[in-house]
Amino acid sequence: MSLLRLDNVSRRFGSLVALDHVSLEVEDGELYAVIGPNGAGKTTLFNLISGFFPPTDGAIWFDGKPLDRVGAADRVALGLVRTFQITEVFPELSVFENVRIGVEAEGRCSAWPWPSRGLMRRIHDRVDELLDMTGLSARAGRKVSELAHGDQRVVEVTMALSRRPKLLLLDEPTAGMGDEETEHMVELIRSLHARQRLGILFIEHDMDLVFGIAQKITVLNYGKVLATGAPEAIAADRLVQAAYLGEPA
């Protein structure tokens, strides 16, 4: 059984068809990329999966459960966790404090006025574990606003990991990064997939990155699925070459 399944999902905004009968399946622990030209419907797809708005047609299933009546916050609780194109962090808080917010939310203890010492120790241990996992331990005490863009993106990913995702959705994780920052993010994605056996669905424009790490790729074009398959099959697909990779059909 697939972890995430979309069955003929469409989304219309008035006369604009943003997604047109899109179907895909992400298996548990799979590293899956969605690519396509600007305006292809990639972010709309993530917004539907995340529950920010419902599909006009079709159905979305996660971990065997239909999501038609599950709101965005409850999808996070189910293990469907997302990052965004624009980094979503608390810039004036430290790295440690940012991640602690996620850990407290995951444990449903952020509203407790007087947490016990034992609880605080468990929270701090979990934060330390996550910072070590993503290579941020040395920056734990620094304000996020003081960090380079790439490190801020890693903080956001770490906050997402604090929610113990079954499937992590990364929306252009290397956007705006230099070569060194991109390399670090790629290694982090590889590590999370290999060592944590975490399923990751990501949108990305860097084709070297996509074809270097993805196990399966779906290509969107004008809101429709143009092709789905292994990287080798996608790279050899003449329709994909014409529509996205800039080569003649």
Protein backbone atom coordinates (compact mmCIF):
# COMPACT_ATOMS: atom_id res chain seq x y z
CA MET A 1 0.00 0.00 0.00
CA SER A 2 1.36 3.43 -0.95
CA LEU A 3 1.96 6.03 1.75
CA LEU A 4 0.51 8.89 -0.33
CA ARG A 5 -1.90 8.43 -3.22
CA LEU A 6 -3.56 11.00 -5.46
CA ASP A 7 -6.39 9.74 -7.65
CA ASN A 8 -7.31 12.00 -10.60
CA VAL A 9 -6.92 15.17 -8.56
CA SER A 10 -7.89 18.45 -10.20
CA ARG A 11 -7.99 22.01 -8.94
CA ARG A 12 -9.70 24.88 -10.71
CA PHE A 13 -9.65 28.56 -9.79
CA GLY A 14 -12.58 29.90 -11.80
CA SER A 15 -11.70 29.26 -15.42
CA LEU A 16 -8.04 28.50 -14.60
CA VAL A 17 -7.23 24.79 -14.40
CA ALA A 18 -4.17 24.62 -12.14
CA LEU A 19 -4.15 20.81 -11.90
CA ASP A 20 -5.88 18.47 -14.32
CA HIS A 21 -6.54 14.86 -13.24
CA VAL A 22 -3.19 14.30 -11.54
CA SER A 23 -2.48 10.82 -10.16
CA LEU A 24 0.65 9.71 -8.32
CA GLU A 25 1.72 7.32 -5.58
CA VAL A 26 4.57 7.74 -3.11
CA GLU A 27 5.73 4.60 -1.33
CA ASP A 28 6.84 4.49 2.30
CA GLY A 29 10.48 5.60 2.50
CA GLU A 30 10.65 6.74 -1.13
CA LEU A 31 12.62 9.75 -2.38
CA TYR A 32 10.29 11.27 -4.97
CA ALA A 33 10.70 14.46 -7.04
CA VAL A 34 8.11 16.62 -8.80
CA ILE A 35 9.50 18.81 -11.58
CA GLY A 36 8.10 21.00 -14.31
CA PRO A 37 8.27 24.50 -15.79
CA ASN A 38 7.11 27.54 -13.83
CA GLY A 39 3.32 27.53 -13.70
CA ALA A 40 3.10 23.75 -14.15
CA GLY A 41 1.10 23.34 -10.93
CA LYS A 42 3.79 22.05 -8.57
CA THR A 43 3.07 24.35 -5.62
CA THR A 44 -0.67 23.94 -6.13
CA LEU A 45 -0.09 20.20 -5.85
CA PHE A 46 1.71 20.66 -2.52
CA ASN A 47 -1.04 22.98 -1.29
CA LEU A 48 -3.65 20.31 -1.99
CA ILE A 49 -1.61 17.58 -0.32
CA SER A 50 -0.99 19.85 2.69
CA GLY A 51 -4.68 20.67 3.04
CA PHE A 52 -4.48 24.41 2.39
CA PHE A 53 -7.40 24.04 0.02
CA PRO A 54 -9.37 21.05 -1.27
CA PRO A 55 -9.23 19.50 -4.72
CA THR A 56 -12.04 20.39 -7.08
CA ASP A 57 -12.17 16.75 -8.17
CA GLY A 58 -10.45 13.54 -7.20
CA ALA A 59 -9.24 12.13 -3.88
CA ILE A 60 -6.07 12.18 -1.76
CA TRP A 61 -5.15 9.31 0.57
CA PHE A 62 -2.39 9.23 3.18
CA ASP A 63 -1.32 6.14 5.10
CA GLY A 64 -4.50 4.40 4.00
CA LYS A 65 -6.81 7.20 5.14
CA PRO A 66 -8.84 9.57 2.93
CA LEU A 67 -7.91 13.22 3.55
CA ASP A 68 -11.06 14.89 2.24
CA ARG A 69 -12.21 15.84 5.77
CA VAL A 70 -8.78 16.28 7.35
CA GLY A 71 -7.54 19.85 7.86
CA ALA A 72 -3.99 21.08 7.42
CA ALA A 73 -3.06 20.90 11.13
CA ASP A 74 -4.48 17.41 11.49
CA ARG A 75 -2.49 16.25 8.45
CA VAL A 76 0.68 17.31 10.24
CA ALA A 77 -0.44 15.25 13.22
CA LEU A 78 -0.85 12.26 10.88
CA GLY A 79 2.77 12.67 9.75
CA LEU A 80 2.39 14.75 6.58
CA VAL A 81 4.78 17.66 7.16
CA ARG A 82 5.88 20.41 4.78
CA THR A 83 8.44 23.16 4.27
CA PHE A 84 7.93 26.17 1.97
CA GLN A 85 9.62 28.05 -0.87
CA ILE A 86 10.03 31.05 1.45
CA THR A 87 11.75 30.00 4.66
CA GLU A 88 9.29 29.88 7.59
CA VAL A 89 11.24 30.35 10.83
CA PHE A 90 11.30 32.69 13.85
CA PRO A 91 14.29 34.89 12.94
CA GLU A 92 14.74 36.64 16.30
CA LEU A 93 14.80 33.37 18.25
CA SER A 94 17.80 31.10 18.52
CA VAL A 95 18.19 27.93 16.50
CA PHE A 96 17.57 25.92 19.68
CA GLU A 97 14.40 27.89 20.48
CA ASN A 98 13.04 27.45 16.95
CA VAL A 99 13.44 23.69 17.11
CA ARG A 100 12.12 23.56 20.68
CA ILE A 101 8.88 25.16 19.47
CA GLY A 102 8.40 22.27 17.07
CA VAL A 103 9.28 19.66 19.69
CA GLU A 104 6.84 21.18 22.20
CA ALA A 105 4.11 21.32 19.57
CA GLU A 106 4.70 17.69 18.63
CA GLY A 107 4.45 16.70 22.29
CA ARG A 108 1.39 18.93 22.79
CA CYS A 109 3.02 20.56 25.77
CA SER A 110 3.64 24.08 24.45
CA ALA A 111 0.64 25.43 26.40
CA TRP A 112 1.66 23.89 29.74
CA PRO A 113 2.41 26.81 32.13
CA TRP A 114 4.65 24.82 34.51
CA PRO A 115 6.32 21.89 32.79
CA SER A 116 8.18 19.51 35.06
CA ARG A 117 11.96 19.23 35.09
CA GLY A 118 11.68 15.76 33.59
CA LEU A 119 9.57 17.03 30.73
CA MET A 120 11.94 19.91 30.03
CA ARG A 121 14.89 17.48 30.04
CA ARG A 122 13.12 15.25 27.50
CA ILE A 123 12.31 18.27 25.33
CA HIS A 124 15.90 19.51 25.44
CA ASP A 125 17.25 16.04 24.70
CA ARG A 126 15.00 15.79 21.66
CA VAL A 127 16.11 19.22 20.42
CA ASP A 128 19.75 18.23 20.86
CA GLU A 129 19.09 15.00 18.93
CA LEU A 130 17.53 16.89 16.02
CA LEU A 131 20.28 19.51 15.90
CA ASP A 132 22.88 16.77 15.80
CA MET A 133 20.95 14.98 13.06
CA THR A 134 20.97 18.06 10.81
CA GLY A 135 24.42 19.41 11.70
CA LEU A 136 23.22 22.49 13.58
CA SER A 137 24.56 21.73 17.07
CA ALA A 138 27.37 24.31 16.81
CA ARG A 139 24.84 27.01 15.90
CA ALA A 140 22.25 26.16 18.57
CA GLY A 141 22.63 29.42 20.50
CA ARG A 142 22.70 31.78 17.52
CA LYS A 143 19.75 33.82 16.35
CA VAL A 144 18.35 32.43 13.11
CA SER A 145 18.50 35.92 11.57
CA GLU A 146 22.30 35.80 11.94
CA LEU A 147 22.63 32.63 9.88
CA ALA A 148 23.31 32.29 6.17
CA HIS A 149 20.31 31.53 3.98
CA GLY A 150 21.28 27.88 3.58
CA ASP A 151 21.50 27.37 7.34
CA GLN A 152 18.12 29.02 7.80
CA ARG A 153 16.67 26.48 5.38
CA VAL A 154 18.23 23.69 7.42
CA VAL A 155 16.61 25.15 10.55
CA GLU A 156 13.23 24.97 8.82
CA VAL A 157 13.84 21.35 7.83
CA THR A 158 14.86 20.57 11.41
CA MET A 159 11.65 22.14 12.70
CA ALA A 160 9.70 19.97 10.27
CA LEU A 161 11.55 16.89 11.52
CA SER A 162 10.52 17.76 15.07
CA ARG A 163 6.97 16.79 14.09
CA ARG A 164 8.12 13.21 13.39
CA PRO A 165 6.94 13.09 9.75
CA LYS A 166 6.12 9.92 7.89
CA LEU A 167 6.39 11.94 4.66
CA LEU A 168 8.35 15.18 4.42
CA LEU A 169 7.36 17.62 1.66
CA LEU A 170 10.18 19.94 0.62
CA ASP A 171 9.20 22.87 -1.60
CA GLU A 172 12.34 23.90 -3.53
CA PRO A 173 14.74 23.10 -0.66
CA THR A 174 17.80 24.60 -2.40
CA ALA A 175 16.16 27.78 -3.74
CA GLY A 176 18.51 30.76 -3.48
CA MET A 177 21.47 28.71 -2.28
CA GLY A 178 25.07 28.79 -3.43
CA ASP A 179 26.95 25.67 -4.47
CA GLU A 180 28.27 24.82 -1.00
CA GLU A 181 24.89 25.35 0.67
CA THR A 182 23.20 23.25 -1.99
CA GLU A 183 25.70 20.45 -1.47
CA HIS A 184 25.00 20.50 2.26
CA MET A 185 21.23 20.32 1.71
CA VAL A 186 21.63 17.45 -0.75
CA GLU A 187 23.70 15.52 1.77
CA LEU A 188 21.10 16.21 4.46
CA ILE A 189 18.30 14.89 2.23
CA ARG A 190 20.32 11.81 1.41
CA SER A 191 21.08 11.22 5.07
CA LEU A 192 17.47 11.60 6.18
CA HIS A 193 16.36 9.21 3.49
CA ALA A 194 19.06 6.60 4.05
CA ARG A 195 19.55 6.71 7.82
CA GLN A 196 16.07 7.68 8.99
CA ARG A 197 14.26 5.81 6.20
CA LEU A 198 12.16 8.93 5.77
CA GLY A 199 9.87 9.33 2.78
CA ILE A 200 10.54 12.64 1.02
CA LEU A 201 8.50 14.29 -1.74
CA PHE A 202 10.22 17.37 -3.11
CA ILE A 203 9.85 20.08 -5.75
CA GLU A 204 13.11 21.23 -7.28
CA HIS A 205 14.42 23.16 -10.33
CA ASP A 206 18.03 21.97 -10.05
CA MET A 207 18.06 19.08 -12.50
CA ASP A 208 21.47 17.80 -11.43
CA LEU A 209 20.10 17.48 -7.90
CA VAL A 210 16.85 15.83 -9.03
CA PHE A 211 18.46 13.25 -11.29
CA GLY A 212 21.21 12.68 -8.74
CA ILE A 213 19.06 11.67 -5.76
CA ALA A 214 15.44 10.97 -6.76
CA GLN A 215 14.22 7.39 -7.01
CA LYS A 216 11.11 8.41 -8.93
CA ILE A 217 10.12 11.58 -10.78
CA THR A 218 6.80 13.02 -11.90
CA VAL A 219 6.90 15.75 -14.55
CA LEU A 220 4.05 18.26 -14.59
CA ASN A 221 3.27 20.49 -17.55
CA TYR A 222 0.28 22.85 -17.74
CA GLY A 223 -1.23 21.11 -14.73
CA LYS A 224 -1.08 17.62 -16.20
CA VAL A 225 1.22 14.68 -15.60
CA LEU A 226 3.52 14.49 -18.58
CA ALA A 227 5.51 11.49 -17.36
CA THR A 228 6.29 9.47 -14.23
CA GLY A 229 9.13 7.02 -13.78
CA ALA A 230 12.70 6.36 -12.75
CA PRO A 231 15.24 9.13 -13.49
CA GLU A 232 16.71 7.22 -16.44
CA ALA A 233 13.30 6.86 -18.08
CA ILE A 234 12.41 10.50 -17.49
CA ALA A 235 15.72 11.73 -18.93
CA ALA A 236 15.13 9.62 -22.07
CA ASP A 237 11.48 10.67 -22.54
CA ARG A 238 11.24 12.80 -25.70
CA LEU A 239 8.12 14.64 -24.51
CA VAL A 240 9.92 15.62 -21.31
CA GLN A 241 12.95 16.73 -23.30
CA ALA A 242 10.78 18.94 -25.48
CA ALA A 243 8.63 20.42 -22.73
CA TYR A 244 11.10 20.86 -19.91
CA LEU A 245 14.69 19.95 -20.67
CA GLY A 246 14.79 22.17 -23.75
CA GLU A 247 15.47 19.50 -26.35
CA PRO A 248 13.46 18.78 -29.51
CA ALA A 249 10.78 16.06 -29.48
